[in-house]
Amino acid sequence: MYESYIKEVPIMDLKKEECDKSLIQSILESQKKLDLAHKNFEYAKGDLVDYYAYQIKSEQAKIDYLLKQAKNKKVVINAINSKK
């Protein structure tokens, strides 16, 4: 089980639309990681139970932070255009 690390572009260097899109993508990626951690936790044994419990807690904290940032920046998702 290897995780890849991607160098992210600093948000300050992005335009508002790009910043909003990046923030939304980060939230969606973190939600996928959280869902995966929950599934892995269900089948974990031994020391992996603690590992996935910490992973769930860290991903939830990351999502909470990102959602707070999105709320503060008043990010709005246009659901009509996003389906096209």
C-alpha atoms as a PDB file:
ATOM      1  CA  MET A   1       0.000   0.000   0.000  1.00  0.00           C
ATOM      2  CA  TYR A   2       1.777   3.075  -1.288  1.00  0.00           C
ATOM      3  CA  GLU A   3       0.483   6.606  -1.347  1.00  0.00           C
ATOM      4  CA  SER A   4       1.552   9.084  -3.942  1.00  0.00           C
ATOM      5  CA  TYR A   5       2.387  12.642  -3.073  1.00  0.00           C
ATOM      6  CA  ILE A   6       1.593  15.335  -5.579  1.00  0.00           C
ATOM      7  CA  LYS A   7       3.144  18.774  -5.400  1.00  0.00           C
ATOM      8  CA  GLU A   8       0.257  21.177  -5.218  1.00  0.00           C
ATOM      9  CA  VAL A   9       0.228  24.651  -6.733  1.00  0.00           C
ATOM     10  CA  PRO A  10      -0.024  27.297  -4.014  1.00  0.00           C
ATOM     11  CA  ILE A  11      -3.563  28.629  -3.869  1.00  0.00           C
ATOM     12  CA  MET A  12      -2.296  32.218  -3.744  1.00  0.00           C
ATOM     13  CA  ASP A  13      -0.949  31.830  -7.317  1.00  0.00           C
ATOM     14  CA  LEU A  14      -4.353  30.830  -8.721  1.00  0.00           C
ATOM     15  CA  LYS A  15      -7.246  32.918 -10.012  1.00  0.00           C
ATOM     16  CA  LYS A  16     -10.490  32.875  -8.021  1.00  0.00           C
ATOM     17  CA  GLU A  17     -12.194  30.368 -10.346  1.00  0.00           C
ATOM     18  CA  GLU A  18      -9.155  28.089 -10.321  1.00  0.00           C
ATOM     19  CA  CYS A  19      -8.881  28.420  -6.555  1.00  0.00           C
ATOM     20  CA  ASP A  20     -12.544  27.479  -6.105  1.00  0.00           C
ATOM     21  CA  LYS A  21     -12.185  24.524  -8.460  1.00  0.00           C
ATOM     22  CA  SER A  22      -9.057  23.348  -6.657  1.00  0.00           C
ATOM     23  CA  LEU A  23     -10.801  23.606  -3.300  1.00  0.00           C
ATOM     24  CA  ILE A  24     -13.793  21.600  -4.529  1.00  0.00           C
ATOM     25  CA  GLN A  25     -11.522  18.945  -6.042  1.00  0.00           C
ATOM     26  CA  SER A  26      -9.633  18.657  -2.759  1.00  0.00           C
ATOM     27  CA  ILE A  27     -12.892  18.171  -0.871  1.00  0.00           C
ATOM     28  CA  LEU A  28     -14.048  15.463  -3.287  1.00  0.00           C
ATOM     29  CA  GLU A  29     -10.695  13.648  -3.176  1.00  0.00           C
ATOM     30  CA  SER A  30     -10.655  13.762   0.618  1.00  0.00           C
ATOM     31  CA  GLN A  31     -14.204  12.391   0.708  1.00  0.00           C
ATOM     32  CA  LYS A  32     -13.123   9.452  -1.485  1.00  0.00           C
ATOM     33  CA  LYS A  33     -10.158   8.793   0.808  1.00  0.00           C
ATOM     34  CA  LEU A  34     -12.451   8.951   3.834  1.00  0.00           C
ATOM     35  CA  ASP A  35     -14.893   6.480   2.285  1.00  0.00           C
ATOM     36  CA  LEU A  36     -12.033   4.117   1.473  1.00  0.00           C
ATOM     37  CA  ALA A  37     -10.657   4.393   5.004  1.00  0.00           C
ATOM     38  CA  HIS A  38     -14.114   3.539   6.407  1.00  0.00           C
ATOM     39  CA  LYS A  39     -14.323   0.464   4.169  1.00  0.00           C
ATOM     40  CA  ASN A  40     -10.809  -0.653   5.096  1.00  0.00           C
ATOM     41  CA  PHE A  41     -11.571  -0.097   8.786  1.00  0.00           C
ATOM     42  CA  GLU A  42     -14.471  -2.549   8.594  1.00  0.00           C
ATOM     43  CA  TYR A  43     -12.141  -5.367   7.545  1.00  0.00           C
ATOM     44  CA  ALA A  44      -9.014  -4.356   9.456  1.00  0.00           C
ATOM     45  CA  LYS A  45      -7.433  -6.620  12.049  1.00  0.00           C
ATOM     46  CA  GLY A  46      -4.768  -6.060  14.657  1.00  0.00           C
ATOM     47  CA  ASP A  47      -2.708  -2.903  14.412  1.00  0.00           C
ATOM     48  CA  LEU A  48      -4.436  -1.856  11.188  1.00  0.00           C
ATOM     49  CA  VAL A  49      -7.544  -0.979  13.208  1.00  0.00           C
ATOM     50  CA  ASP A  50      -5.626   1.867  14.850  1.00  0.00           C
ATOM     51  CA  TYR A  51      -4.100   2.908  11.539  1.00  0.00           C
ATOM     52  CA  TYR A  52      -7.449   3.251   9.803  1.00  0.00           C
ATOM     53  CA  ALA A  53      -9.021   4.922  12.842  1.00  0.00           C
ATOM     54  CA  TYR A  54      -6.322   7.612  12.708  1.00  0.00           C
ATOM     55  CA  GLN A  55      -6.689   7.872   8.934  1.00  0.00           C
ATOM     56  CA  ILE A  56     -10.451   8.383   9.290  1.00  0.00           C
ATOM     57  CA  LYS A  57      -9.900  11.046  11.923  1.00  0.00           C
ATOM     58  CA  SER A  58      -7.287  12.885   9.847  1.00  0.00           C
ATOM     59  CA  GLU A  59      -9.346  12.829   6.642  1.00  0.00           C
ATOM     60  CA  GLN A  60     -12.416  14.056   8.512  1.00  0.00           C
ATOM     61  CA  ALA A  61     -10.386  16.914  10.003  1.00  0.00           C
ATOM     62  CA  LYS A  62      -9.092  17.787   6.518  1.00  0.00           C
ATOM     63  CA  ILE A  63     -12.614  17.800   5.073  1.00  0.00           C
ATOM     64  CA  ASP A  64     -13.878  19.963   7.936  1.00  0.00           C
ATOM     65  CA  TYR A  65     -11.059  22.446   7.309  1.00  0.00           C
ATOM     66  CA  LEU A  66     -11.643  22.531   3.542  1.00  0.00           C
ATOM     67  CA  LEU A  67     -15.395  22.983   3.972  1.00  0.00           C
ATOM     68  CA  LYS A  68     -14.767  25.859   6.362  1.00  0.00           C
ATOM     69  CA  GLN A  69     -12.431  27.442   3.804  1.00  0.00           C
ATOM     70  CA  ALA A  70     -15.042  27.013   1.065  1.00  0.00           C
ATOM     71  CA  LYS A  71     -17.712  28.572   3.265  1.00  0.00           C
ATOM     72  CA  ASN A  72     -15.489  31.527   4.177  1.00  0.00           C
ATOM     73  CA  LYS A  73     -14.661  32.117   0.506  1.00  0.00           C
ATOM     74  CA  LYS A  74     -18.345  31.747  -0.396  1.00  0.00           C
ATOM     75  CA  VAL A  75     -17.628  29.053  -2.962  1.00  0.00           C
ATOM     76  CA  VAL A  76     -20.768  28.165  -4.899  1.00  0.00           C
ATOM     77  CA  ILE A  77     -21.145  25.027  -6.972  1.00  0.00           C
ATOM     78  CA  ASN A  78     -23.308  25.465 -10.023  1.00  0.00           C
ATOM     79  CA  ALA A  79     -24.994  22.052 -10.175  1.00  0.00           C
ATOM     80  CA  ILE A  80     -26.723  22.763 -13.495  1.00  0.00           C
ATOM     81  CA  ASN A  81     -23.518  23.430 -15.431  1.00  0.00           C
ATOM     82  CA  SER A  82     -21.475  20.767 -13.656  1.00  0.00           C
ATOM     83  CA  LYS A  83     -23.647  17.958 -15.091  1.00  0.00           C
ATOM     84  CA  LYS A  84     -22.904  18.903 -18.700  1.00  0.00           C
END
